[in-house]
């Protein structure tokens, strides 16, 4: 089954590469960093796709309907190398913009799945409360979350990096679990 997706916090498009390799189609993307936008446009065929420069300018009425929203939201405030302010930080706190957009989106246009990625320290920052807050936010907007940590070595990459992946299922739709 082929799904449509929007690439939020797109960077240079690593979520997109994975989703397209899985047979899915990107219909839009959001990235504020100019060099990353330039790279994204050079690396991917973005002609005719909806795009926005800043997640804070995206509205629930303006974002196109898609099956999945992918979001590798900023990790700077979550990472062990940062101040570990978590979701209270200016950059990592942009996660809440996704929640705002969902709240603004009419029910029929909401994505059936949300797909998030971040650093493993999301499990520990603020004693784990930020991960709980993410689950709470998802619950408030009608999504049932599941999560799993995956090390890049498990995927054949010669690099030892663990990431947390969170999938939110729109309640009443597509409740099949992704992680087992």
Foldseek 3Di string as FASTA:
>chain_A
DEWEEEEECQQLNPVVVVNVVVPYHYQEYEAQDVVSVVNNVVVDPCPNHHYYNDLLPDAQVRDFATQEYEYAFDCQLQDPPHPLPACVDPRNVCVVSVLRRLVRHDPVRHHQKYKYKYAPSCCCRVHNVNVVVVCVSLVVSQWHKDKDKDFVVVVVDPDGGIMMMMMTGRPPPDPDDDDD
